[in-house]
Amino acid sequence: MAAIAELAQRRTRAEADDEPDHRILSARESVTEEVAAALSITGNASATLVHLAEQLTGPLADTGAALEAGRIDLPKARVISDLTESLPQQVTQRVQTAALEKASTQTTGQLRRRIRRIAQRLAPEAIEERKQEAVRQRRLELWDTPSGTADLSLCDLAAEDAHAIYNKITAAAHGIKTDGDPRPLKTIRADLAAQLLQGLPLPEAVRTLVAQTCADTHSTSAPLNAESNPVPVRVAAHSGQMPDGPASVPAARGLSCTWESTDDGPSSGVVGGASRTRSASVAHSAPHCGDVQRPDGEPVRALARLDHAEGCGAHREPDPVGSRGDPACGSGDDEPPDGRESSGSEGRARAETEIAVLADTIAQRLTHVSGRVPSRELPGAVRRAVQRIQHELAGAREAMCRGDDEAHGRPGYRPSAAMRREVEARHETCVFPSCNQPSRRCDLDHTVPWRPGTTCRCNLAPLCRRHHRLKQRPDWRLVQVWPGLLIWVTPSGTWYIVRPDRR
């Protein structure tokens, strides 16, 4: 908590003298997203955590000290923070002092009721203003559940309105239950609310549910025909083709090599260290493969070699490297000249392996950089390493993406509908590591801004509007080193590799 609060304060102070730019996220919002990525939590959960950290190191410092000493737990600290929000400073201090007197012996529910009584007595005007502000923020929310269903919620309604809606639906549900509906009251209530929200008048909604109940009861009680045999149902798995275009990564094996073709003969240099990528990024290791030819026949230079400035070279032992005919990698001679894989599950599986090899190799390089430079130099060192990776892959990436086309990409700023569908299929959500916004609701962002960047699948990725604004901050960095394979670099120098969801 203290580290989060200190980071937020330091970044906010650094931005205090600058003119606000509403095209990008503020420094505090940037910290929120940095914490979300580091802890693998949602942006909303991160915002709540940052706010709590600021409260526990500021106006609620006594609560923070009690939490650190173990006299209260985190849920109780959250209760105190939530219920003292927007209260005058003097009232906050008095409420905090009174709450901490008995907090260690109370449950969160008991503590919550006690704080509400105290706050209502000390600052009734502030409590009423907080209520009105919450009502102004009323909203309808929808989210998916782990069971494959969805929750729909009306949030921050006025209490009288919420109780009136609930009581009206409950009364109608009781009537349906009295008429013989065998289902639980909570189920009838949910079905009735769904019918009303879809536009049916209350009498018609009631009749619909009663008729449905009668039909279900009749079908359940009907005797089974002994001569009838159940008809087997065959469900065909979806086997639609992925969007057209190259699926393989012809540079991946070159990235895993520990040698490069030079006049002086082969040399080696490898990197080590564990990957710091999230589960949504590099999820597994893949076998190393041999060298790969560029379209012009020149071998792709190995990315595993870092320059001597990064301290990785001949003093390290080389990793085993697969040869061009390594059966674990597949023979490079089997690839078509333009680098395209054959369609079908075998081609898709091979493409996923190629992406994994490339991502793992990049992760090893960045892990090595992160482990050998001081923390104050880490952001610059990681940025330079990512820039070198992008530069070394640029030729192979463009050749693979262009294929037989004369020009690379699409003329103009807006991508075609087919290109949008392909990118959205490649990433089902926003490409920020902790974001779950569906890609169909995102901006299709040019990773390298259009002009000099191109409108091409190797330069497009879905970003929700919030993370689109985050990407525009000068202290953040987003690079697409291969179509669908992206690297985020935070202001602290932490990096995240985001892989395609599908190929």
Protein backbone atom coordinates (compact mmCIF):
# COMPACT_ATOMS: atom_id res chain seq x y z
CA MET A 1 0.00 0.00 0.00
CA ALA A 2 2.74 2.43 0.95
CA ALA A 3 4.65 1.73 -2.28
CA ILE A 4 1.54 2.32 -4.40
CA ALA A 5 0.78 5.58 -2.61
CA GLU A 6 4.37 6.79 -2.95
CA LEU A 7 4.41 5.97 -6.67
CA ALA A 8 1.15 7.85 -7.23
CA GLN A 9 2.37 10.88 -5.29
CA ARG A 10 5.72 11.00 -7.09
CA ARG A 11 4.15 10.75 -10.56
CA THR A 12 1.44 13.29 -9.72
CA ARG A 13 3.98 15.80 -8.42
CA ALA A 14 6.07 15.42 -11.56
CA GLU A 15 3.05 16.28 -13.71
CA ALA A 16 1.70 19.08 -11.50
CA ASP A 17 3.49 21.88 -13.37
CA ASP A 18 2.52 20.67 -16.85
CA GLU A 19 -0.55 21.77 -18.76
CA PRO A 20 -3.24 19.07 -18.68
CA ASP A 21 -3.60 17.16 -21.93
CA HIS A 22 -6.99 15.48 -22.14
CA ARG A 23 -5.89 13.36 -25.10
CA ILE A 24 -3.82 11.18 -22.78
CA LEU A 25 -4.37 9.67 -19.35
CA SER A 26 -3.29 11.66 -16.33
CA ALA A 27 -0.32 10.58 -14.22
CA ARG A 28 -2.61 9.15 -11.55
CA GLU A 29 -4.58 7.17 -14.12
CA SER A 30 -1.29 5.93 -15.57
CA VAL A 31 -0.28 4.63 -12.15
CA THR A 32 -3.64 2.90 -11.86
CA GLU A 33 -3.05 1.02 -15.12
CA GLU A 34 0.53 0.20 -14.14
CA VAL A 35 -0.69 -1.35 -10.89
CA ALA A 36 -3.43 -3.24 -12.77
CA ALA A 37 -0.88 -4.79 -15.12
CA ALA A 38 1.57 -5.61 -12.31
CA LEU A 39 -1.06 -7.33 -10.14
CA SER A 40 -3.13 -8.80 -13.00
CA ILE A 41 -6.32 -7.12 -11.79
CA THR A 42 -8.91 -5.05 -13.61
CA GLY A 43 -8.66 -1.31 -13.98
CA ASN A 44 -11.57 -0.75 -11.58
CA ALA A 45 -10.01 -2.97 -8.93
CA SER A 46 -6.71 -1.17 -9.39
CA ALA A 47 -8.35 2.26 -9.07
CA THR A 48 -9.95 1.15 -5.80
CA LEU A 49 -6.60 -0.13 -4.53
CA VAL A 50 -4.75 3.08 -5.45
CA HIS A 51 -7.42 5.20 -3.77
CA LEU A 52 -7.28 3.05 -0.63
CA ALA A 53 -3.49 3.33 -0.54
CA GLU A 54 -3.70 7.12 -0.78
CA GLN A 55 -6.28 7.23 2.01
CA LEU A 56 -4.33 4.95 4.35
CA THR A 57 -1.17 7.04 3.96
CA GLY A 58 -3.04 10.37 4.12
CA PRO A 59 -6.19 11.30 6.04
CA LEU A 60 -6.63 7.74 7.36
CA ALA A 61 -3.03 7.25 8.46
CA ASP A 62 -4.16 5.90 11.85
CA THR A 63 -6.20 3.23 10.07
CA GLY A 64 -3.15 2.39 7.96
CA ALA A 65 -1.05 2.05 11.11
CA ALA A 66 -3.67 -0.23 12.69
CA LEU A 67 -3.66 -2.37 9.54
CA GLU A 68 0.13 -2.58 9.54
CA ALA A 69 0.15 -3.52 13.23
CA GLY A 70 -2.42 -6.26 12.67
CA ARG A 71 -5.17 -4.75 14.86
CA ILE A 72 -7.56 -4.71 11.90
CA ASP A 73 -7.62 -6.53 8.58
CA LEU A 74 -7.91 -5.16 5.05
CA PRO A 75 -11.73 -5.55 4.75
CA LYS A 76 -12.20 -3.42 7.87
CA ALA A 77 -9.79 -0.81 6.54
CA ARG A 78 -11.86 -0.72 3.33
CA VAL A 79 -15.06 -0.19 5.36
CA ILE A 80 -13.55 2.77 7.21
CA SER A 81 -12.23 4.26 3.96
CA ASP A 82 -15.51 3.82 2.07
CA LEU A 83 -17.75 5.27 4.78
CA THR A 84 -15.55 8.30 5.50
CA GLU A 85 -15.35 9.23 1.81
CA SER A 86 -16.31 12.86 1.11
CA LEU A 87 -16.71 13.73 4.79
CA PRO A 88 -15.13 16.94 6.15
CA GLN A 89 -11.60 16.39 7.41
CA GLN A 90 -12.44 17.02 11.06
CA VAL A 91 -15.41 14.66 10.90
CA THR A 92 -13.25 12.03 9.19
CA GLN A 93 -10.74 12.14 12.03
CA ARG A 94 -13.45 11.82 14.70
CA VAL A 95 -15.17 8.96 12.87
CA GLN A 96 -11.85 7.18 12.38
CA THR A 97 -10.94 7.50 16.06
CA ALA A 98 -14.33 6.19 17.17
CA ALA A 99 -14.28 3.34 14.65
CA LEU A 100 -10.83 2.11 15.64
CA GLU A 101 -11.83 1.87 19.31
CA LYS A 102 -13.95 -1.25 18.69
CA ALA A 103 -12.95 -2.30 15.17
CA SER A 104 -10.78 -5.19 16.35
CA THR A 105 -13.73 -6.83 18.14
CA GLN A 106 -16.41 -6.18 15.51
CA THR A 107 -17.31 -7.83 12.23
CA THR A 108 -17.30 -5.73 9.08
CA GLY A 109 -21.11 -5.54 9.20
CA GLN A 110 -21.12 -4.31 12.79
CA LEU A 111 -18.35 -1.83 12.03
CA ARG A 112 -20.23 -0.54 8.99
CA ARG A 113 -23.44 0.08 10.95
CA ARG A 114 -21.55 1.84 13.76
CA ILE A 115 -19.70 4.16 11.39
CA ARG A 116 -22.93 5.06 9.60
CA ARG A 117 -24.60 6.02 12.88
CA ILE A 118 -21.63 8.13 13.94
CA ALA A 119 -21.29 9.86 10.56
CA GLN A 120 -25.02 10.56 10.33
CA ARG A 121 -24.92 12.21 13.75
CA LEU A 122 -21.78 14.27 13.09
CA ALA A 123 -22.27 15.33 9.44
CA PRO A 124 -25.83 14.77 8.15
CA GLU A 125 -25.39 17.34 5.36
CA ALA A 126 -22.27 15.63 4.03
CA ILE A 127 -24.01 12.25 4.13
CA GLU A 128 -26.94 13.62 2.12
CA GLU A 129 -24.62 15.23 -0.44
CA ARG A 130 -22.70 11.98 -0.85
CA LYS A 131 -25.98 10.17 -1.45
CA GLN A 132 -27.07 12.66 -4.11
CA GLU A 133 -23.70 12.42 -5.85
CA ALA A 134 -23.98 8.63 -5.96
CA VAL A 135 -27.47 8.90 -7.46
CA ARG A 136 -26.09 11.18 -10.16
CA GLN A 137 -23.68 8.36 -11.06
CA ARG A 138 -26.46 5.74 -11.44
CA ARG A 139 -25.88 3.24 -14.21
CA LEU A 140 -26.76 -0.12 -15.73
CA GLU A 141 -23.92 -2.65 -15.65
CA LEU A 142 -23.41 -5.99 -17.38
CA TRP A 143 -20.70 -8.57 -16.77
CA ASP A 144 -20.09 -12.23 -17.55
CA THR A 145 -19.90 -14.92 -14.88
CA PRO A 146 -17.61 -17.98 -14.68
CA SER A 147 -20.58 -20.29 -15.32
CA GLY A 148 -21.17 -18.81 -18.77
CA THR A 149 -24.17 -16.69 -17.74
CA ALA A 150 -24.30 -12.92 -17.28
CA ASP A 151 -25.28 -10.52 -14.49
CA LEU A 152 -27.30 -7.36 -15.14
CA SER A 153 -27.40 -4.75 -12.39
CA LEU A 154 -28.94 -1.33 -11.78
CA CYS A 155 -26.38 0.50 -9.64
CA ASP A 156 -26.72 3.54 -7.38
CA LEU A 157 -30.44 4.08 -7.83
CA ALA A 158 -32.20 6.19 -5.24
CA ALA A 159 -33.13 3.84 -2.40
CA GLU A 160 -36.84 4.56 -2.71
CA ASP A 161 -36.80 3.81 -6.44
CA ALA A 162 -34.89 0.56 -6.01
CA HIS A 163 -37.21 -0.67 -3.25
CA ALA A 164 -40.30 0.28 -5.27
CA ILE A 165 -39.09 -1.72 -8.31
CA TYR A 166 -38.17 -4.70 -6.17
CA ASN A 167 -41.44 -4.70 -4.25
CA LYS A 168 -43.56 -4.44 -7.41
CA ILE A 169 -41.79 -7.37 -9.10
CA THR A 170 -41.91 -9.39 -5.87
CA ALA A 171 -45.67 -8.84 -5.48
CA ALA A 172 -46.32 -10.01 -9.05
CA ALA A 173 -44.00 -13.00 -8.52
CA HIS A 174 -45.94 -13.98 -5.39
CA GLY A 175 -49.15 -13.94 -7.47
CA ILE A 176 -47.62 -16.27 -10.07
CA LYS A 177 -46.35 -18.53 -7.28
CA THR A 178 -49.85 -18.65 -5.75
CA ASP A 179 -51.30 -19.70 -9.12
CA GLY A 180 -49.26 -22.89 -8.93
CA ASP A 181 -45.83 -22.09 -10.36
CA PRO A 182 -43.53 -24.68 -8.73
CA ARG A 183 -40.34 -22.72 -9.26
CA PRO A 184 -38.59 -20.81 -6.45
CA LEU A 185 -39.72 -17.24 -5.92
CA LYS A 186 -36.28 -15.87 -6.82
CA THR A 187 -36.44 -17.59 -10.22
CA ILE A 188 -39.93 -16.24 -10.94
CA ARG A 189 -38.76 -12.79 -9.93
CA ALA A 190 -35.77 -12.94 -12.29
CA ASP A 191 -37.86 -14.22 -15.23
CA LEU A 192 -40.50 -11.55 -14.65
CA ALA A 193 -37.90 -8.78 -14.51
CA ALA A 194 -36.36 -10.05 -17.76
CA GLN A 195 -39.78 -9.99 -19.49
CA LEU A 196 -40.49 -6.45 -18.27
CA LEU A 197 -37.08 -5.14 -19.32
CA GLN A 198 -37.63 -6.55 -22.80
CA GLY A 199 -40.72 -4.39 -23.19
CA LEU A 200 -43.70 -6.54 -22.21
CA PRO A 201 -46.42 -4.88 -20.11
CA LEU A 202 -46.83 -6.38 -16.66
CA PRO A 203 -50.15 -8.24 -17.37
CA GLU A 204 -48.75 -9.76 -20.56
CA ALA A 205 -45.50 -10.70 -18.83
CA VAL A 206 -47.46 -12.47 -16.08
CA ARG A 207 -49.61 -14.34 -18.63
CA THR A 208 -46.49 -15.39 -20.54
CA LEU A 209 -44.85 -16.86 -17.44
CA VAL A 210 -48.04 -18.64 -16.34
CA ALA A 211 -48.52 -20.14 -19.81
CA GLN A 212 -44.89 -21.21 -19.92
CA THR A 213 -45.23 -22.89 -16.53
CA CYS A 214 -48.35 -24.78 -17.63
CA ALA A 215 -46.61 -25.99 -20.79
CA ASP A 216 -43.54 -27.11 -18.87
CA THR A 217 -45.69 -28.94 -16.32
CA HIS A 218 -47.67 -30.70 -19.06
CA SER A 219 -44.57 -31.81 -20.93
CA THR A 220 -42.98 -33.08 -17.74
CA SER A 221 -46.02 -35.11 -16.69
CA ALA A 222 -46.70 -36.60 -20.17
CA PRO A 223 -45.89 -40.37 -20.37
CA LEU A 224 -42.97 -41.40 -22.48
CA ASN A 225 -43.62 -43.39 -25.66
CA ALA A 226 -41.97 -46.75 -25.18
CA GLU A 227 -41.52 -47.22 -28.92
CA SER A 228 -39.86 -43.91 -29.50
CA ASN A 229 -36.11 -43.96 -29.49
CA PRO A 230 -34.05 -40.91 -28.75
CA VAL A 231 -32.65 -39.41 -31.91
CA PRO A 232 -28.93 -38.88 -31.65
CA VAL A 233 -27.92 -35.30 -32.16
CA ARG A 234 -24.68 -34.62 -33.91
CA VAL A 235 -23.04 -31.33 -33.11
CA ALA A 236 -20.48 -30.33 -35.68
CA ALA A 237 -17.49 -28.49 -34.32
CA HIS A 238 -16.86 -25.14 -35.87
CA SER A 239 -14.10 -25.57 -38.38
CA GLY A 240 -14.23 -22.28 -40.18
CA GLN A 241 -11.00 -21.02 -41.62
CA MET A 242 -9.16 -18.21 -40.01
CA PRO A 243 -8.90 -14.98 -41.98
CA ASP A 244 -6.74 -15.32 -45.04
CA GLY A 245 -3.16 -14.29 -44.76
CA PRO A 246 0.22 -15.56 -43.62
CA ALA A 247 0.01 -17.42 -40.35
CA SER A 248 3.59 -18.54 -39.96
CA VAL A 249 6.44 -16.66 -38.35
CA PRO A 250 9.42 -17.24 -40.63
CA ALA A 251 11.71 -15.21 -38.39
CA ALA A 252 10.91 -17.14 -35.22
CA ARG A 253 13.57 -19.79 -35.66
CA GLY A 254 16.12 -17.17 -36.54
CA LEU A 255 15.34 -15.41 -33.29
CA SER A 256 16.11 -18.57 -31.34
CA CYS A 257 19.53 -19.07 -32.95
CA THR A 258 22.75 -18.40 -31.10
CA TRP A 259 24.76 -17.64 -34.22
CA GLU A 260 24.73 -15.21 -37.06
CA SER A 261 26.17 -15.52 -40.57
CA THR A 262 29.25 -13.32 -40.85
CA ASP A 263 32.52 -13.40 -42.69
CA ASP A 264 34.31 -14.39 -39.48
CA GLY A 265 32.32 -17.59 -39.06
CA PRO A 266 29.61 -18.46 -36.63
CA SER A 267 29.60 -16.96 -33.15
CA SER A 268 27.28 -17.53 -30.26
CA GLY A 269 25.60 -15.60 -27.50
CA VAL A 270 22.55 -16.48 -25.48
CA VAL A 271 20.37 -14.95 -22.86
CA GLY A 272 18.93 -16.38 -19.71
CA GLY A 273 16.44 -15.64 -16.98
CA ALA A 274 12.83 -16.51 -16.36
CA SER A 275 10.12 -14.88 -18.37
CA ARG A 276 8.17 -12.16 -16.62
CA THR A 277 5.27 -12.37 -19.00
CA ARG A 278 1.69 -12.94 -17.86
CA SER A 279 -0.34 -16.06 -18.55
CA ALA A 280 -2.02 -14.15 -21.36
CA SER A 281 1.38 -13.47 -22.84
CA VAL A 282 4.07 -16.16 -23.08
CA ALA A 283 2.24 -19.17 -21.74
CA HIS A 284 4.71 -21.94 -22.48
CA SER A 285 8.12 -22.70 -23.84
CA ALA A 286 8.66 -24.01 -27.33
CA PRO A 287 11.55 -25.88 -28.89
CA HIS A 288 14.37 -23.89 -30.42
CA CYS A 289 14.62 -24.03 -34.18
CA GLY A 290 17.25 -23.39 -36.78
CA ASP A 291 17.90 -20.47 -39.08
CA VAL A 292 15.40 -19.20 -41.59
CA GLN A 293 16.03 -17.54 -44.92
CA ARG A 294 14.76 -14.10 -45.81
CA PRO A 295 12.96 -13.87 -49.15
CA ASP A 296 16.21 -12.69 -50.69
CA GLY A 297 18.10 -15.70 -49.29
CA GLU A 298 20.04 -13.92 -46.54
CA PRO A 299 19.72 -15.65 -43.13
CA VAL A 300 17.84 -13.67 -40.53
CA ARG A 301 20.34 -12.43 -37.99
CA ALA A 302 19.89 -13.94 -34.57
CA LEU A 303 18.12 -11.77 -32.01
CA ALA A 304 19.56 -13.81 -29.17
CA ARG A 305 22.81 -11.85 -29.46
CA LEU A 306 22.85 -8.68 -27.45
CA ASP A 307 25.53 -6.09 -27.97
CA HIS A 308 28.45 -5.83 -25.57
CA ALA A 309 26.91 -2.76 -23.98
CA GLU A 310 24.28 -5.05 -22.50
CA GLY A 311 26.95 -7.45 -21.27
CA CYS A 312 25.77 -10.56 -23.08
CA GLY A 313 28.18 -12.24 -25.43
CA ALA A 314 30.86 -14.86 -25.73
CA HIS A 315 31.37 -15.15 -21.96
CA ARG A 316 28.06 -17.06 -21.69
CA GLU A 317 27.64 -20.70 -22.65
CA PRO A 318 25.54 -21.22 -25.76
CA ASP A 319 22.17 -22.94 -25.57
CA PRO A 320 21.56 -26.02 -27.70
CA VAL A 321 20.27 -24.96 -31.07
CA GLY A 322 18.12 -27.01 -33.39
CA SER A 323 19.29 -27.43 -36.93
CA ARG A 324 17.43 -26.62 -40.09
CA GLY A 325 16.32 -30.23 -40.33
CA ASP A 326 15.46 -30.56 -36.63
CA PRO A 327 12.31 -32.69 -36.47
CA ALA A 328 11.17 -30.80 -33.38
CA CYS A 329 11.00 -27.66 -35.45
CA GLY A 330 10.03 -28.97 -38.83
CA SER A 331 12.09 -28.69 -41.94
CA GLY A 332 12.50 -25.20 -43.30
CA ASP A 333 12.55 -26.65 -46.80
CA ASP A 334 8.88 -27.58 -46.45
CA GLU A 335 7.79 -23.94 -46.28
CA PRO A 336 6.34 -22.29 -49.35
CA PRO A 337 8.54 -19.56 -50.83
CA ASP A 338 6.29 -16.75 -49.56
CA GLY A 339 6.23 -18.09 -45.98
CA ARG A 340 2.53 -18.99 -45.98
CA GLU A 341 1.38 -22.09 -44.07
CA SER A 342 -1.17 -24.50 -45.41
CA SER A 343 -4.66 -24.10 -44.05
CA GLY A 344 -6.15 -26.39 -41.45
CA SER A 345 -5.38 -27.35 -37.89
CA GLU A 346 -1.79 -28.43 -38.65
CA GLY A 347 -0.93 -25.04 -40.11
CA ARG A 348 -2.56 -23.19 -37.23
CA ALA A 349 -0.77 -25.35 -34.67
CA ARG A 350 2.56 -24.70 -36.34
CA ALA A 351 1.85 -20.97 -36.45
CA GLU A 352 1.10 -20.98 -32.72
CA THR A 353 4.37 -22.79 -32.07
CA GLU A 354 6.26 -20.25 -34.16
CA ILE A 355 4.67 -17.41 -32.19
CA ALA A 356 5.58 -19.15 -28.92
CA VAL A 357 9.21 -19.55 -30.03
CA LEU A 358 9.41 -15.90 -30.98
CA ALA A 359 7.75 -14.71 -27.78
CA ASP A 360 9.95 -16.91 -25.58
CA THR A 361 13.11 -15.66 -27.27
CA ILE A 362 12.09 -12.04 -26.81
CA ALA A 363 11.21 -12.76 -23.17
CA GLN A 364 14.67 -14.22 -22.58
CA ARG A 365 16.36 -11.15 -24.01
CA LEU A 366 14.28 -8.71 -22.01
CA THR A 367 14.67 -10.76 -18.83
CA HIS A 368 18.43 -10.61 -19.25
CA VAL A 369 18.32 -6.84 -19.69
CA SER A 370 16.03 -6.43 -16.67
CA GLY A 371 18.34 -8.47 -14.48
CA ARG A 372 21.61 -6.72 -15.19
CA VAL A 373 20.94 -2.95 -15.12
CA PRO A 374 20.24 -0.72 -12.08
CA SER A 375 16.59 0.12 -11.46
CA ARG A 376 17.08 3.80 -12.31
CA GLU A 377 18.39 2.82 -15.76
CA LEU A 378 15.86 0.05 -16.36
CA PRO A 379 13.20 1.98 -18.35
CA GLY A 380 15.73 3.28 -20.87
CA ALA A 381 17.52 -0.06 -21.20
CA VAL A 382 14.31 -2.00 -21.82
CA ARG A 383 13.09 0.57 -24.34
CA ARG A 384 16.34 0.34 -26.28
CA ALA A 385 16.23 -3.46 -26.25
CA VAL A 386 12.65 -3.48 -27.55
CA GLN A 387 13.58 -0.96 -30.25
CA ARG A 388 16.44 -3.19 -31.40
CA ILE A 389 14.15 -6.21 -31.54
CA GLN A 390 11.65 -4.26 -33.61
CA HIS A 391 14.37 -3.10 -36.00
CA GLU A 392 15.89 -6.57 -36.43
CA LEU A 393 12.50 -8.09 -37.25
CA ALA A 394 11.29 -5.27 -39.51
CA GLY A 395 12.45 -6.73 -42.82
CA ALA A 396 11.15 -10.25 -42.23
CA ARG A 397 7.89 -8.91 -40.77
CA GLU A 398 7.18 -6.72 -43.79
CA ALA A 399 8.12 -9.46 -46.27
CA MET A 400 5.88 -12.00 -44.56
CA CYS A 401 2.97 -9.61 -44.25
CA ARG A 402 3.21 -8.31 -47.81
CA GLY A 403 3.56 -11.71 -49.47
CA ASP A 404 3.15 -11.36 -53.25
CA ASP A 405 1.53 -7.91 -53.08
CA GLU A 406 3.35 -5.05 -54.73
CA ALA A 407 2.67 -2.62 -51.88
CA HIS A 408 2.75 -3.17 -48.14
CA GLY A 409 -0.53 -2.43 -46.42
CA ARG A 410 -3.61 -0.56 -47.53
CA PRO A 411 -3.58 3.00 -48.88
CA GLY A 412 -5.42 5.35 -46.57
CA TYR A 413 -6.02 5.57 -42.86
CA ARG A 414 -9.11 3.39 -42.36
CA PRO A 415 -8.71 -0.41 -42.54
CA SER A 416 -11.10 -2.45 -44.63
CA ALA A 417 -13.90 -4.44 -43.01
CA ALA A 418 -12.04 -7.68 -43.76
CA MET A 419 -8.86 -6.36 -42.13
CA ARG A 420 -10.82 -5.29 -39.05
CA ARG A 421 -12.40 -8.74 -38.77
CA GLU A 422 -8.98 -10.38 -39.02
CA VAL A 423 -7.46 -8.20 -36.31
CA GLU A 424 -10.49 -8.67 -34.03
CA ALA A 425 -10.26 -12.44 -34.51
CA ARG A 426 -6.57 -12.30 -33.65
CA HIS A 427 -7.26 -10.44 -30.40
CA GLU A 428 -10.67 -10.94 -28.84
CA THR A 429 -10.12 -8.17 -26.29
CA CYS A 430 -8.14 -4.96 -25.91
CA VAL A 431 -4.42 -5.79 -26.03
CA PHE A 432 -3.61 -4.15 -22.69
CA PRO A 433 -2.55 -7.02 -20.39
CA SER A 434 -5.35 -6.66 -17.82
CA CYS A 435 -8.18 -5.34 -20.03
CA ASN A 436 -11.25 -7.40 -20.90
CA GLN A 437 -13.00 -4.94 -23.23
CA PRO A 438 -14.17 -6.89 -26.32
CA SER A 439 -12.24 -5.90 -29.43
CA ARG A 440 -15.45 -5.11 -31.30
CA ARG A 441 -15.91 -2.18 -28.90
CA CYS A 442 -12.31 -0.99 -29.21
CA ASP A 443 -10.48 1.44 -31.45
CA LEU A 444 -8.43 -0.26 -34.16
CA ASP A 445 -5.20 1.55 -33.36
CA HIS A 446 -2.15 2.03 -35.58
CA THR A 447 0.69 0.85 -33.33
CA VAL A 448 3.07 3.10 -35.28
CA PRO A 449 0.96 6.21 -36.01
CA TRP A 450 -0.24 6.39 -39.59
CA ARG A 451 2.28 8.20 -41.72
CA PRO A 452 4.92 6.94 -41.27
CA GLY A 453 3.01 3.86 -40.05
CA THR A 454 0.95 1.83 -42.52
CA THR A 455 -2.61 0.52 -42.41
CA CYS A 456 -1.78 -3.16 -42.25
CA ARG A 457 -2.51 -6.08 -39.97
CA CYS A 458 1.09 -5.95 -38.72
CA ASN A 459 0.47 -2.38 -37.50
CA LEU A 460 -3.10 -2.66 -36.15
CA ALA A 461 -4.31 -3.78 -32.74
CA PRO A 462 -7.54 -3.25 -30.76
CA LEU A 463 -7.25 -0.76 -27.91
CA CYS A 464 -10.14 0.42 -25.76
CA ARG A 465 -10.42 4.19 -25.55
CA ARG A 466 -8.81 4.33 -22.10
CA HIS A 467 -5.75 2.30 -23.07
CA HIS A 468 -5.58 4.08 -26.41
CA ARG A 469 -5.09 7.28 -24.40
CA LEU A 470 -2.59 5.47 -22.17
CA LYS A 471 -0.53 4.45 -25.19
CA GLN A 472 -0.22 8.12 -26.19
CA ARG A 473 1.64 8.99 -22.99
CA PRO A 474 5.35 9.56 -23.68
CA ASP A 475 6.42 7.42 -20.70
CA TRP A 476 4.61 4.32 -22.01
CA ARG A 477 5.71 2.29 -25.02
CA LEU A 478 3.77 -0.18 -27.21
CA VAL A 479 5.53 -2.07 -30.02
CA GLN A 480 4.15 -4.71 -32.38
CA VAL A 481 7.22 -6.76 -33.24
CA TRP A 482 5.24 -9.32 -35.26
CA PRO A 483 1.62 -9.33 -36.43
CA GLY A 484 -0.37 -9.83 -33.22
CA LEU A 485 2.70 -10.05 -30.94
CA LEU A 486 3.02 -6.86 -28.89
CA ILE A 487 5.29 -5.59 -26.12
CA TRP A 488 4.19 -3.03 -23.51
CA VAL A 489 6.88 -1.14 -21.56
CA THR A 490 5.73 0.79 -18.46
CA PRO A 491 7.32 3.97 -17.05
CA SER A 492 9.03 1.80 -14.43
CA GLY A 493 10.65 -0.41 -17.07
CA THR A 494 8.41 -3.43 -16.52
CA TRP A 495 7.49 -5.19 -19.77
CA TYR A 496 4.60 -7.40 -20.86
CA ILE A 497 4.40 -9.56 -23.97
CA VAL A 498 0.88 -10.00 -25.38
CA ARG A 499 0.36 -12.89 -27.77
CA PRO A 500 -2.50 -13.39 -30.25
CA ASP A 501 -5.55 -15.16 -28.88
CA ARG A 502 -6.07 -16.98 -32.20
CA ARG A 503 -4.10 -17.52 -35.41
